[in-house]
Amino acid sequence: MNKKTEKDLNKIVKTEKKLEKFSDLLSALTTTEDKKKLLWKEAYQNALDDRESANILFTDLLLQVKGSVTSHAQFGLLMSKYLERMAKSNDQILRLAELIAKEEDKQGFTSDDIFDQIGN
């Protein structure tokens, strides 16, 4: 297996572990509706996927632009869009953590527990 394939596989495994931890966190919310949990899980997965996709595109473009002033001028705006997408995904994950923290407050969990679960 080449290094790129191995690296991609490791990213997939890491994302799956994050989703599993997030699902475990949602399962602990006994008084929260299943429909809400499903939507939160989908939002989390989408944010992770969006962030990873933008990172791949940004990295690819960065390697092409490296050292070329002309390329920076041509692709700089596009690169900033990818960075904005990654930042927006991070904001979505933080917003999810806030929503879950509110639910867990009702059940006696701490916000530190939540951030520990979804931050790893």
PDB file of N, CA and C in Angstrom:
ATOM      1  N   MET A   1       0.866  -1.180   0.000  1.00  0.00           N
ATOM      2  CA  MET A   1       0.000   0.000   0.000  1.00  0.00           C
ATOM      3  C   MET A   1       0.907   1.237   0.000  1.00  0.00           C
ATOM      4  N   ASN A   2       0.629   2.196  -0.904  1.00  0.00           N
ATOM      5  CA  ASN A   2       1.464   3.388  -0.942  1.00  0.00           C
ATOM      6  C   ASN A   2       1.109   4.338   0.208  1.00  0.00           C
ATOM      7  N   LYS A   3       1.981   5.318   0.426  1.00  0.00           N
ATOM      8  CA  LYS A   3       1.814   6.210   1.585  1.00  0.00           C
ATOM      9  C   LYS A   3       0.553   7.047   1.506  1.00  0.00           C
ATOM     10  N   LYS A   4       0.190   7.497   0.313  1.00  0.00           N
ATOM     11  CA  LYS A   4      -1.013   8.314   0.179  1.00  0.00           C
ATOM     12  C   LYS A   4      -2.257   7.496   0.523  1.00  0.00           C
ATOM     13  N   THR A   5      -2.323   6.274   0.033  1.00  0.00           N
ATOM     14  CA  THR A   5      -3.466   5.411   0.329  1.00  0.00           C
ATOM     15  C   THR A   5      -3.536   5.118   1.825  1.00  0.00           C
ATOM     16  N   GLU A   6      -2.397   4.866   2.415  1.00  0.00           N
ATOM     17  CA  GLU A   6      -2.353   4.592   3.853  1.00  0.00           C
ATOM     18  C   GLU A   6      -2.788   5.820   4.656  1.00  0.00           C
ATOM     19  N   LYS A   7      -2.342   6.986   4.217  1.00  0.00           N
ATOM     20  CA  LYS A   7      -2.725   8.227   4.898  1.00  0.00           C
ATOM     21  C   LYS A   7      -4.232   8.463   4.775  1.00  0.00           C
ATOM     22  N   ASP A   8      -4.778   8.247   3.586  1.00  0.00           N
ATOM     23  CA  ASP A   8      -6.221   8.408   3.373  1.00  0.00           C
ATOM     24  C   ASP A   8      -7.019   7.428   4.217  1.00  0.00           C
ATOM     25  N   LEU A   9      -6.536   6.206   4.303  1.00  0.00           N
ATOM     26  CA  LEU A   9      -7.201   5.193   5.117  1.00  0.00           C
ATOM     27  C   LEU A   9      -7.185   5.576   6.590  1.00  0.00           C
ATOM     28  N   ASN A  10      -6.072   6.101   7.053  1.00  0.00           N
ATOM     29  CA  ASN A  10      -5.970   6.554   8.447  1.00  0.00           C
ATOM     30  C   ASN A  10      -6.942   7.692   8.743  1.00  0.00           C
ATOM     31  N   LYS A  11      -7.126   8.587   7.777  1.00  0.00           N
ATOM     32  CA  LYS A  11      -8.080   9.680   7.953  1.00  0.00           C
ATOM     33  C   LYS A  11      -9.503   9.149   8.069  1.00  0.00           C
ATOM     34  N   ILE A  12      -9.824   8.164   7.250  1.00  0.00           N
ATOM     35  CA  ILE A  12     -11.166   7.566   7.295  1.00  0.00           C
ATOM     36  C   ILE A  12     -11.395   6.903   8.643  1.00  0.00           C
ATOM     37  N   VAL A  13     -10.424   6.159   9.114  1.00  0.00           N
ATOM     38  CA  VAL A  13     -10.544   5.481  10.406  1.00  0.00           C
ATOM     39  C   VAL A  13     -10.691   6.507  11.525  1.00  0.00           C
ATOM     40  N   LYS A  14      -9.918   7.568  11.461  1.00  0.00           N
ATOM     41  CA  LYS A  14      -9.991   8.617  12.484  1.00  0.00           C
ATOM     42  C   LYS A  14     -11.369   9.276  12.492  1.00  0.00           C
ATOM     43  N   THR A  15     -11.906   9.552  11.313  1.00  0.00           N
ATOM     44  CA  THR A  15     -13.240  10.147  11.209  1.00  0.00           C
ATOM     45  C   THR A  15     -14.298   9.194  11.751  1.00  0.00           C
ATOM     46  N   GLU A  16     -14.169   7.925  11.432  1.00  0.00           N
ATOM     47  CA  GLU A  16     -15.131   6.939  11.944  1.00  0.00           C
ATOM     48  C   GLU A  16     -15.086   6.858  13.465  1.00  0.00           C
ATOM     49  N   LYS A  17     -13.894   6.964  14.037  1.00  0.00           N
ATOM     50  CA  LYS A  17     -13.770   6.952  15.501  1.00  0.00           C
ATOM     51  C   LYS A  17     -14.430   8.186  16.112  1.00  0.00           C
ATOM     52  N   LYS A  18     -14.258   9.329  15.471  1.00  0.00           N
ATOM     53  CA  LYS A  18     -14.905  10.550  15.953  1.00  0.00           C
ATOM     54  C   LYS A  18     -16.419  10.405  15.914  1.00  0.00           C
ATOM     55  N   LEU A  19     -16.932   9.843  14.817  1.00  0.00           N
ATOM     56  CA  LEU A  19     -18.376   9.639  14.692  1.00  0.00           C
ATOM     57  C   LEU A  19     -18.885   8.650  15.739  1.00  0.00           C
ATOM     58  N   GLU A  20     -18.110   7.628  16.005  1.00  0.00           N
ATOM     59  CA  GLU A  20     -18.503   6.643  17.019  1.00  0.00           C
ATOM     60  C   GLU A  20     -18.558   7.285  18.407  1.00  0.00           C
ATOM     61  N   LYS A  21     -17.556   8.093  18.737  1.00  0.00           N
ATOM     62  CA  LYS A  21     -17.559   8.793  20.033  1.00  0.00           C
ATOM     63  C   LYS A  21     -18.736   9.751  20.131  1.00  0.00           C
ATOM     64  N   PHE A  22     -19.006  10.438  19.026  1.00  0.00           N
ATOM     65  CA  PHE A  22     -20.123  11.373  19.011  1.00  0.00           C
ATOM     66  C   PHE A  22     -21.443  10.628  19.195  1.00  0.00           C
ATOM     67  N   SER A  23     -21.580   9.478  18.535  1.00  0.00           N
ATOM     68  CA  SER A  23     -22.791   8.662  18.690  1.00  0.00           C
ATOM     69  C   SER A  23     -22.946   8.183  20.125  1.00  0.00           C
ATOM     70  N   ASP A  24     -21.839   7.796  20.748  1.00  0.00           N
ATOM     71  CA  ASP A  24     -21.881   7.384  22.154  1.00  0.00           C
ATOM     72  C   ASP A  24     -22.330   8.531  23.047  1.00  0.00           C
ATOM     73  N   LEU A  25     -21.835   9.714  22.737  1.00  0.00           N
ATOM     74  CA  LEU A  25     -22.232  10.903  23.497  1.00  0.00           C
ATOM     75  C   LEU A  25     -23.725  11.148  23.354  1.00  0.00           C
ATOM     76  N   LEU A  26     -24.235  11.039  22.134  1.00  0.00           N
ATOM     77  CA  LEU A  26     -25.666  11.247  21.908  1.00  0.00           C
ATOM     78  C   LEU A  26     -26.507  10.157  22.576  1.00  0.00           C
ATOM     79  N   SER A  27     -25.996   8.949  22.591  1.00  0.00           N
ATOM     80  CA  SER A  27     -26.729   7.849  23.226  1.00  0.00           C
ATOM     81  C   SER A  27     -26.912   8.077  24.714  1.00  0.00           C
ATOM     82  N   ALA A  28     -25.988   8.797  25.315  1.00  0.00           N
ATOM     83  CA  ALA A  28     -26.071   9.074  26.751  1.00  0.00           C
ATOM     84  C   ALA A  28     -27.175  10.086  27.078  1.00  0.00           C
ATOM     85  N   LEU A  29     -27.673  10.771  26.068  1.00  0.00           N
ATOM     86  CA  LEU A  29     -28.754  11.744  26.272  1.00  0.00           C
ATOM     87  C   LEU A  29     -30.088  10.995  26.257  1.00  0.00           C
ATOM     88  N   THR A  30     -30.491  10.530  27.402  1.00  0.00           N
ATOM     89  CA  THR A  30     -31.666   9.657  27.470  1.00  0.00           C
ATOM     90  C   THR A  30     -32.984  10.385  27.268  1.00  0.00           C
ATOM     91  N   THR A  31     -33.027  11.671  27.569  1.00  0.00           N
ATOM     92  CA  THR A  31     -34.299  12.388  27.446  1.00  0.00           C
ATOM     93  C   THR A  31     -34.428  13.160  26.129  1.00  0.00           C
ATOM     94  N   THR A  32     -33.419  13.084  25.285  1.00  0.00           N
ATOM     95  CA  THR A  32     -33.438  13.802  24.013  1.00  0.00           C
ATOM     96  C   THR A  32     -34.091  12.932  22.936  1.00  0.00           C
ATOM     97  N   GLU A  33     -34.886  13.563  22.090  1.00  0.00           N
ATOM     98  CA  GLU A  33     -35.586  12.854  21.024  1.00  0.00           C
ATOM     99  C   GLU A  33     -34.592  12.225  20.042  1.00  0.00           C
ATOM    100  N   ASP A  34     -34.934  11.036  19.559  1.00  0.00           N
ATOM    101  CA  ASP A  34     -34.068  10.339  18.605  1.00  0.00           C
ATOM    102  C   ASP A  34     -33.906  11.127  17.311  1.00  0.00           C
ATOM    103  N   LYS A  35     -34.962  11.811  16.893  1.00  0.00           N
ATOM    104  CA  LYS A  35     -34.900  12.591  15.658  1.00  0.00           C
ATOM    105  C   LYS A  35     -33.863  13.720  15.795  1.00  0.00           C
ATOM    106  N   LYS A  36     -33.830  14.356  16.946  1.00  0.00           N
ATOM    107  CA  LYS A  36     -32.861  15.419  17.193  1.00  0.00           C
ATOM    108  C   LYS A  36     -31.443  14.843  17.205  1.00  0.00           C
ATOM    109  N   LYS A  37     -31.261  13.687  17.821  1.00  0.00           N
ATOM    110  CA  LYS A  37     -29.951  13.040  17.855  1.00  0.00           C
ATOM    111  C   LYS A  37     -29.477  12.700  16.443  1.00  0.00           C
ATOM    112  N   LEU A  38     -30.381  12.203  15.621  1.00  0.00           N
ATOM    113  CA  LEU A  38     -30.038  11.853  14.249  1.00  0.00           C
ATOM    114  C   LEU A  38     -29.604  13.093  13.461  1.00  0.00           C
ATOM    115  N   LEU A  39     -30.338  14.180  13.620  1.00  0.00           N
ATOM    116  CA  LEU A  39     -29.980  15.422  12.928  1.00  0.00           C
ATOM    117  C   LEU A  39     -28.619  15.939  13.393  1.00  0.00           C
ATOM    118  N   TRP A  40     -28.367  15.867  14.692  1.00  0.00           N
ATOM    119  CA  TRP A  40     -27.075  16.307  15.222  1.00  0.00           C
ATOM    120  C   TRP A  40     -25.943  15.443  14.680  1.00  0.00           C
ATOM    121  N   LYS A  41     -26.170  14.147  14.599  1.00  0.00           N
ATOM    122  CA  LYS A  41     -25.137  13.242  14.079  1.00  0.00           C
ATOM    123  C   LYS A  41     -24.862  13.549  12.616  1.00  0.00           C
ATOM    124  N   GLU A  42     -25.911  13.771  11.837  1.00  0.00           N
ATOM    125  CA  GLU A  42     -25.727  14.111  10.429  1.00  0.00           C
ATOM    126  C   GLU A  42     -24.991  15.441  10.276  1.00  0.00           C
ATOM    127  N   ALA A  43     -25.336  16.420  11.093  1.00  0.00           N
ATOM    128  CA  ALA A  43     -24.664  17.725  11.033  1.00  0.00           C
ATOM    129  C   ALA A  43     -23.185  17.578  11.375  1.00  0.00           C
ATOM    130  N   TYR A  44     -22.890  16.767  12.376  1.00  0.00           N
ATOM    131  CA  TYR A  44     -21.503  16.537  12.776  1.00  0.00           C
ATOM    132  C   TYR A  44     -20.730  15.840  11.654  1.00  0.00           C
ATOM    133  N   GLN A  45     -21.330  14.811  11.080  1.00  0.00           N
ATOM    134  CA  GLN A  45     -20.671  14.090   9.994  1.00  0.00           C
ATOM    135  C   GLN A  45     -20.446  15.012   8.794  1.00  0.00           C
ATOM    136  N   ASN A  46     -21.447  15.818   8.457  1.00  0.00           N
ATOM    137  CA  ASN A  46     -21.298  16.757   7.341  1.00  0.00           C
ATOM    138  C   ASN A  46     -20.192  17.772   7.604  1.00  0.00           C
ATOM    139  N   ALA A  47     -20.113  18.267   8.836  1.00  0.00           N
ATOM    140  CA  ALA A  47     -19.073  19.238   9.174  1.00  0.00           C
ATOM    141  C   ALA A  47     -17.692  18.597   9.047  1.00  0.00           C
ATOM    142  N   LEU A  48     -17.547  17.367   9.528  1.00  0.00           N
ATOM    143  CA  LEU A  48     -16.264  16.666   9.397  1.00  0.00           C
ATOM    144  C   LEU A  48     -15.915  16.437   7.932  1.00  0.00           C
ATOM    145  N   ASP A  49     -16.896  16.006   7.152  1.00  0.00           N
ATOM    146  CA  ASP A  49     -16.657  15.749   5.723  1.00  0.00           C
ATOM    147  C   ASP A  49     -16.310  17.040   4.973  1.00  0.00           C
ATOM    148  N   ASP A  50     -17.047  18.108   5.257  1.00  0.00           N
ATOM    149  CA  ASP A  50     -16.777  19.396   4.604  1.00  0.00           C
ATOM    150  C   ASP A  50     -15.374  19.897   4.938  1.00  0.00           C
ATOM    151  N   ARG A  51     -15.019  19.776   6.205  1.00  0.00           N
ATOM    152  CA  ARG A  51     -13.698  20.243   6.637  1.00  0.00           C
ATOM    153  C   ARG A  51     -12.605  19.433   5.953  1.00  0.00           C
ATOM    154  N   GLU A  52     -12.777  18.130   5.887  1.00  0.00           N
ATOM    155  CA  GLU A  52     -11.772  17.274   5.258  1.00  0.00           C
ATOM    156  C   GLU A  52     -11.678  17.540   3.756  1.00  0.00           C
ATOM    157  N   SER A  53     -12.815  17.691   3.102  1.00  0.00           N
ATOM    158  CA  SER A  53     -12.808  17.971   1.655  1.00  0.00           C
ATOM    159  C   SER A  53     -12.123  19.303   1.358  1.00  0.00           C
ATOM    160  N   ALA A  54     -12.454  20.314   2.117  1.00  0.00           N
ATOM    161  CA  ALA A  54     -11.827  21.628   1.917  1.00  0.00           C
ATOM    162  C   ALA A  54     -10.330  21.554   2.191  1.00  0.00           C
ATOM    163  N   ASN A  55      -9.950  20.773   3.189  1.00  0.00           N
ATOM    164  CA  ASN A  55      -8.535  20.623   3.506  1.00  0.00           C
ATOM    165  C   ASN A  55      -7.785  19.944   2.360  1.00  0.00           C
ATOM    166  N   ILE A  56      -8.377  18.927   1.782  1.00  0.00           N
ATOM    167  CA  ILE A  56      -7.743  18.233   0.652  1.00  0.00           C
ATOM    168  C   ILE A  56      -7.566  19.185  -0.521  1.00  0.00           C
ATOM    169  N   LEU A  57      -8.625  19.931  -0.851  1.00  0.00           N
ATOM    170  CA  LEU A  57      -8.558  20.877  -1.968  1.00  0.00           C
ATOM    171  C   LEU A  57      -7.552  21.994  -1.694  1.00  0.00           C
ATOM    172  N   PHE A  58      -7.556  22.506  -0.478  1.00  0.00           N
ATOM    173  CA  PHE A  58      -6.624  23.565  -0.103  1.00  0.00           C
ATOM    174  C   PHE A  58      -5.183  23.069  -0.208  1.00  0.00           C
ATOM    175  N   THR A  59      -4.918  21.896   0.332  1.00  0.00           N
ATOM    176  CA  THR A  59      -3.561  21.345   0.310  1.00  0.00           C
ATOM    177  C   THR A  59      -3.086  21.105  -1.120  1.00  0.00           C
ATOM    178  N   ASP A  60      -3.963  20.566  -1.950  1.00  0.00           N
ATOM    179  CA  ASP A  60      -3.608  20.327  -3.350  1.00  0.00           C
ATOM    180  C   ASP A  60      -3.256  21.639  -4.046  1.00  0.00           C
ATOM    181  N   LEU A  61      -4.077  22.648  -3.839  1.00  0.00           N
ATOM    182  CA  LEU A  61      -3.826  23.946  -4.465  1.00  0.00           C
ATOM    183  C   LEU A  61      -2.575  24.603  -3.898  1.00  0.00           C
ATOM    184  N   LEU A  62      -2.362  24.458  -2.603  1.00  0.00           N
ATOM    185  CA  LEU A  62      -1.180  25.025  -1.968  1.00  0.00           C
ATOM    186  C   LEU A  62       0.097  24.449  -2.574  1.00  0.00           C
ATOM    187  N   LEU A  63       0.102  23.158  -2.832  1.00  0.00           N
ATOM    188  CA  LEU A  63       1.275  22.534  -3.444  1.00  0.00           C
ATOM    189  C   LEU A  63       1.509  23.040  -4.861  1.00  0.00           C
ATOM    190  N   GLN A  64       0.440  23.349  -5.574  1.00  0.00           N
ATOM    191  CA  GLN A  64       0.578  23.863  -6.944  1.00  0.00           C
ATOM    192  C   GLN A  64       1.030  25.322  -6.958  1.00  0.00           C
ATOM    193  N   VAL A  65       0.604  26.080  -5.969  1.00  0.00           N
ATOM    194  CA  VAL A  65       0.862  27.513  -5.923  1.00  0.00           C
ATOM    195  C   VAL A  65       2.229  27.831  -5.314  1.00  0.00           C
ATOM    196  N   LYS A  66       2.739  26.949  -4.538  1.00  0.00           N
ATOM    197  CA  LYS A  66       3.967  27.162  -3.763  1.00  0.00           C
ATOM    198  C   LYS A  66       5.067  27.824  -4.579  1.00  0.00           C
ATOM    199  N   GLY A  67       5.474  28.992  -4.135  1.00  0.00           N
ATOM    200  CA  GLY A  67       6.590  29.698  -4.732  1.00  0.00           C
ATOM    201  C   GLY A  67       6.287  30.494  -5.989  1.00  0.00           C
ATOM    202  N   SER A  68       5.056  30.549  -6.408  1.00  0.00           N
ATOM    203  CA  SER A  68       4.711  31.253  -7.640  1.00  0.00           C
ATOM    204  C   SER A  68       3.804  32.442  -7.324  1.00  0.00           C
ATOM    205  N   VAL A  69       4.329  33.623  -7.512  1.00  0.00           N
ATOM    206  CA  VAL A  69       3.558  34.840  -7.253  1.00  0.00           C
ATOM    207  C   VAL A  69       2.340  34.905  -8.167  1.00  0.00           C
ATOM    208  N   THR A  70       2.513  34.522  -9.413  1.00  0.00           N
ATOM    209  CA  THR A  70       1.410  34.530 -10.368  1.00  0.00           C
ATOM    210  C   THR A  70       0.300  33.588  -9.922  1.00  0.00           C
ATOM    211  N   SER A  71       0.675  32.406  -9.481  1.00  0.00           N
ATOM    212  CA  SER A  71      -0.322  31.438  -9.018  1.00  0.00           C
ATOM    213  C   SER A  71      -1.023  31.925  -7.758  1.00  0.00           C
ATOM    214  N   HIS A  72      -0.270  32.569  -6.872  1.00  0.00           N
ATOM    215  CA  HIS A  72      -0.891  33.130  -5.665  1.00  0.00           C
ATOM    216  C   HIS A  72      -1.955  34.155  -6.047  1.00  0.00           C
ATOM    217  N   ALA A  73      -1.627  35.003  -7.003  1.00  0.00           N
ATOM    218  CA  ALA A  73      -2.583  36.011  -7.443  1.00  0.00           C
ATOM    219  C   ALA A  73      -3.801  35.366  -8.089  1.00  0.00           C
ATOM    220  N   GLN A  74      -3.566  34.291  -8.814  1.00  0.00           N
ATOM    221  CA  GLN A  74      -4.647  33.629  -9.533  1.00  0.00           C
ATOM    222  C   GLN A  74      -5.540  32.805  -8.604  1.00  0.00           C
ATOM    223  N   PHE A  75      -4.943  32.125  -7.642  1.00  0.00           N
ATOM    224  CA  PHE A  75      -5.698  31.179  -6.817  1.00  0.00           C
ATOM    225  C   PHE A  75      -5.871  31.599  -5.356  1.00  0.00           C
ATOM    226  N   GLY A  76      -5.343  32.743  -4.981  1.00  0.00           N
ATOM    227  CA  GLY A  76      -5.423  33.181  -3.589  1.00  0.00           C
ATOM    228  C   GLY A  76      -6.844  33.274  -3.068  1.00  0.00           C
ATOM    229  N   LEU A  77      -7.742  33.818  -3.852  1.00  0.00           N
ATOM    230  CA  LEU A  77      -9.136  33.957  -3.427  1.00  0.00           C
ATOM    231  C   LEU A  77      -9.782  32.581  -3.213  1.00  0.00           C
ATOM    232  N   LEU A  78      -9.505  31.669  -4.117  1.00  0.00           N
ATOM    233  CA  LEU A  78     -10.053  30.317  -3.993  1.00  0.00           C
ATOM    234  C   LEU A  78      -9.509  29.625  -2.738  1.00  0.00           C
ATOM    235  N   MET A  79      -8.235  29.818  -2.472  1.00  0.00           N
ATOM    236  CA  MET A  79      -7.634  29.222  -1.276  1.00  0.00           C
ATOM    237  C   MET A  79      -8.283  29.780  -0.011  1.00  0.00           C
ATOM    238  N   SER A  80      -8.577  31.082  -0.017  1.00  0.00           N
ATOM    239  CA  SER A  80      -9.227  31.672   1.161  1.00  0.00           C
ATOM    240  C   SER A  80     -10.642  31.111   1.341  1.00  0.00           C
ATOM    241  N   LYS A  81     -11.312  30.787   0.244  1.00  0.00           N
ATOM    242  CA  LYS A  81     -12.646  30.168   0.328  1.00  0.00           C
ATOM    243  C   LYS A  81     -12.558  28.803   1.008  1.00  0.00           C
ATOM    244  N   TYR A  82     -11.514  28.041   0.668  1.00  0.00           N
ATOM    245  CA  TYR A  82     -11.335  26.736   1.307  1.00  0.00           C
ATOM    246  C   TYR A  82     -11.078  26.903   2.811  1.00  0.00           C
ATOM    247  N   LEU A  83     -10.274  27.885   3.158  1.00  0.00           N
ATOM    248  CA  LEU A  83     -10.020  28.148   4.578  1.00  0.00           C
ATOM    249  C   LEU A  83     -11.296  28.579   5.297  1.00  0.00           C
ATOM    250  N   GLU A  84     -12.104  29.393   4.638  1.00  0.00           N
ATOM    251  CA  GLU A  84     -13.386  29.809   5.224  1.00  0.00           C
ATOM    252  C   GLU A  84     -14.304  28.610   5.431  1.00  0.00           C
ATOM    253  N   ARG A  85     -14.307  27.670   4.487  1.00  0.00           N
ATOM    254  CA  ARG A  85     -15.137  26.461   4.614  1.00  0.00           C
ATOM    255  C   ARG A  85     -14.698  25.636   5.814  1.00  0.00           C
ATOM    256  N   MET A  86     -13.385  25.514   6.003  1.00  0.00           N
ATOM    257  CA  MET A  86     -12.878  24.772   7.155  1.00  0.00           C
ATOM    258  C   MET A  86     -13.257  25.469   8.461  1.00  0.00           C
ATOM    259  N   ALA A  87     -13.148  26.796   8.484  1.00  0.00           N
ATOM    260  CA  ALA A  87     -13.511  27.549   9.686  1.00  0.00           C
ATOM    261  C   ALA A  87     -15.004  27.435   9.974  1.00  0.00           C
ATOM    262  N   LYS A  88     -15.821  27.479   8.929  1.00  0.00           N
ATOM    263  CA  LYS A  88     -17.266  27.343   9.113  1.00  0.00           C
ATOM    264  C   LYS A  88     -17.613  25.965   9.658  1.00  0.00           C
ATOM    265  N   SER A  89     -16.934  24.944   9.184  1.00  0.00           N
ATOM    266  CA  SER A  89     -17.150  23.591   9.705  1.00  0.00           C
ATOM    267  C   SER A  89     -16.787  23.515  11.183  1.00  0.00           C
ATOM    268  N   ASN A  90     -15.692  24.147  11.545  1.00  0.00           N
ATOM    269  CA  ASN A  90     -15.303  24.190  12.958  1.00  0.00           C
ATOM    270  C   ASN A  90     -16.364  24.906  13.790  1.00  0.00           C
ATOM    271  N   ASP A  91     -16.884  25.998  13.270  1.00  0.00           N
ATOM    272  CA  ASP A  91     -17.945  26.731  13.972  1.00  0.00           C
ATOM    273  C   ASP A  91     -19.193  25.875  14.150  1.00  0.00           C
ATOM    274  N   GLN A  92     -19.521  25.080  13.128  1.00  0.00           N
ATOM    275  CA  GLN A  92     -20.686  24.195  13.229  1.00  0.00           C
ATOM    276  C   GLN A  92     -20.480  23.149  14.325  1.00  0.00           C
ATOM    277  N   ILE A  93     -19.284  22.621  14.415  1.00  0.00           N
ATOM    278  CA  ILE A  93     -18.986  21.627  15.447  1.00  0.00           C
ATOM    279  C   ILE A  93     -19.084  22.263  16.836  1.00  0.00           C
ATOM    280  N   LEU A  94     -18.587  23.470  16.967  1.00  0.00           N
ATOM    281  CA  LEU A  94     -18.692  24.168  18.258  1.00  0.00           C
ATOM    282  C   LEU A  94     -20.145  24.458  18.615  1.00  0.00           C
ATOM    283  N   ARG A  95     -20.935  24.831  17.635  1.00  0.00           N
ATOM    284  CA  ARG A  95     -22.362  25.089  17.877  1.00  0.00           C
ATOM    285  C   ARG A  95     -23.068  23.806  18.302  1.00  0.00           C
ATOM    286  N   LEU A  96     -22.733  22.698  17.689  1.00  0.00           N
ATOM    287  CA  LEU A  96     -23.297  21.417  18.103  1.00  0.00           C
ATOM    288  C   LEU A  96     -22.919  21.107  19.554  1.00  0.00           C
ATOM    289  N   ALA A  97     -21.679  21.382  19.905  1.00  0.00           N
ATOM    290  CA  ALA A  97     -21.236  21.143  21.277  1.00  0.00           C
ATOM    291  C   ALA A  97     -22.046  21.989  22.262  1.00  0.00           C
ATOM    292  N   GLU A  98     -22.354  23.221  21.879  1.00  0.00           N
ATOM    293  CA  GLU A  98     -23.172  24.081  22.738  1.00  0.00           C
ATOM    294  C   GLU A  98     -24.583  23.529  22.892  1.00  0.00           C
ATOM    295  N   LEU A  99     -25.172  23.071  21.791  1.00  0.00           N
ATOM    296  CA  LEU A  99     -26.519  22.503  21.853  1.00  0.00           C
ATOM    297  C   LEU A  99     -26.560  21.254  22.734  1.00  0.00           C
ATOM    298  N   ILE A 100     -25.563  20.416  22.568  1.00  0.00           N
ATOM    299  CA  ILE A 100     -25.511  19.195  23.369  1.00  0.00           C
ATOM    300  C   ILE A 100     -25.256  19.529  24.833  1.00  0.00           C
ATOM    301  N   ALA A 101     -24.442  20.539  25.074  1.00  0.00           N
ATOM    302  CA  ALA A 101     -24.181  20.954  26.460  1.00  0.00           C
ATOM    303  C   ALA A 101     -25.467  21.381  27.150  1.00  0.00           C
ATOM    304  N   LYS A 102     -26.321  22.087  26.432  1.00  0.00           N
ATOM    305  CA  LYS A 102     -27.607  22.486  26.996  1.00  0.00           C
ATOM    306  C   LYS A 102     -28.446  21.267  27.347  1.00  0.00           C
ATOM    307  N   GLU A 103     -28.449  20.279  26.462  1.00  0.00           N
ATOM    308  CA  GLU A 103     -29.197  19.051  26.725  1.00  0.00           C
ATOM    309  C   GLU A 103     -28.612  18.300  27.919  1.00  0.00           C
ATOM    310  N   GLU A 104     -27.287  18.260  27.987  1.00  0.00           N
ATOM    311  CA  GLU A 104     -26.646  17.529  29.072  1.00  0.00           C
ATOM    312  C   GLU A 104     -26.796  18.236  30.407  1.00  0.00           C
ATOM    313  N   ASP A 105     -26.891  19.567  30.372  1.00  0.00           N
ATOM    314  CA  ASP A 105     -27.136  20.302  31.618  1.00  0.00           C
ATOM    315  C   ASP A 105     -28.438  19.837  32.254  1.00  0.00           C
ATOM    316  N   LYS A 106     -29.389  19.530  31.394  1.00  0.00           N
ATOM    317  CA  LYS A 106     -30.670  19.037  31.888  1.00  0.00           C
ATOM    318  C   LYS A 106     -30.515  17.669  32.543  1.00  0.00           C
ATOM    319  N   GLN A 107     -29.470  16.945  32.141  1.00  0.00           N
ATOM    320  CA  GLN A 107     -29.265  15.585  32.637  1.00  0.00           C
ATOM    321  C   GLN A 107     -28.094  15.463  33.608  1.00  0.00           C
ATOM    322  N   GLY A 108     -27.398  16.564  33.874  1.00  0.00           N
ATOM    323  CA  GLY A 108     -26.335  16.549  34.871  1.00  0.00           C
ATOM    324  C   GLY A 108     -24.928  16.339  34.340  1.00  0.00           C
ATOM    325  N   PHE A 109     -24.708  16.369  33.029  1.00  0.00           N
ATOM    326  CA  PHE A 109     -23.360  16.260  32.482  1.00  0.00           C
ATOM    327  C   PHE A 109     -22.706  17.630  32.482  1.00  0.00           C
ATOM    328  N   THR A 110     -21.356  17.665  32.386  1.00  0.00           N
ATOM    329  CA  THR A 110     -20.642  18.938  32.310  1.00  0.00           C
ATOM    330  C   THR A 110     -20.236  19.221  30.865  1.00  0.00           C
ATOM    331  N   SER A 111     -20.044  20.496  30.552  1.00  0.00           N
ATOM    332  CA  SER A 111     -19.644  20.863  29.192  1.00  0.00           C
ATOM    333  C   SER A 111     -18.243  20.354  28.876  1.00  0.00           C
ATOM    334  N   ASP A 112     -17.390  20.222  29.885  1.00  0.00           N
ATOM    335  CA  ASP A 112     -16.057  19.669  29.652  1.00  0.00           C
ATOM    336  C   ASP A 112     -16.142  18.236  29.129  1.00  0.00           C
ATOM    337  N   ASP A 113     -17.101  17.463  29.639  1.00  0.00           N
ATOM    338  CA  ASP A 113     -17.292  16.092  29.168  1.00  0.00           C
ATOM    339  C   ASP A 113     -17.629  16.087  27.678  1.00  0.00           C
ATOM    340  N   ILE A 114     -18.452  17.006  27.259  1.00  0.00           N
ATOM    341  CA  ILE A 114     -18.899  17.078  25.870  1.00  0.00           C
ATOM    342  C   ILE A 114     -17.727  17.429  24.952  1.00  0.00           C
ATOM    343  N   PHE A 115     -16.996  18.488  25.298  1.00  0.00           N
ATOM    344  CA  PHE A 115     -15.891  18.918  24.453  1.00  0.00           C
ATOM    345  C   PHE A 115     -14.794  17.851  24.402  1.00  0.00           C
ATOM    346  N   ASP A 116     -14.592  17.136  25.503  1.00  0.00           N
ATOM    347  CA  ASP A 116     -13.619  16.037  25.499  1.00  0.00           C
ATOM    348  C   ASP A 116     -14.051  14.942  24.532  1.00  0.00           C
ATOM    349  N   GLN A 117     -15.339  14.646  24.502  1.00  0.00           N
ATOM    350  CA  GLN A 117     -15.850  13.585  23.640  1.00  0.00           C
ATOM    351  C   GLN A 117     -15.739  13.924  22.162  1.00  0.00           C
ATOM    352  N   ILE A 118     -16.124  15.128  21.769  1.00  0.00           N
ATOM    353  CA  ILE A 118     -16.140  15.438  20.334  1.00  0.00           C
ATOM    354  C   ILE A 118     -14.851  16.098  19.854  1.00  0.00           C
ATOM    355  N   GLY A 119     -14.004  16.483  20.764  1.00  0.00           N
ATOM    356  CA  GLY A 119     -12.752  17.145  20.369  1.00  0.00           C
ATOM    357  C   GLY A 119     -11.636  16.186  20.042  1.00  0.00           C
ATOM    358  N   ASN A 120     -11.753  14.940  20.393  1.00  0.00           N
ATOM    359  CA  ASN A 120     -10.667  13.985  20.151  1.00  0.00           C
ATOM    360  C   ASN A 120     -10.735  13.379  18.786  1.00  0.00           C
TER     361      ASN A 120
END
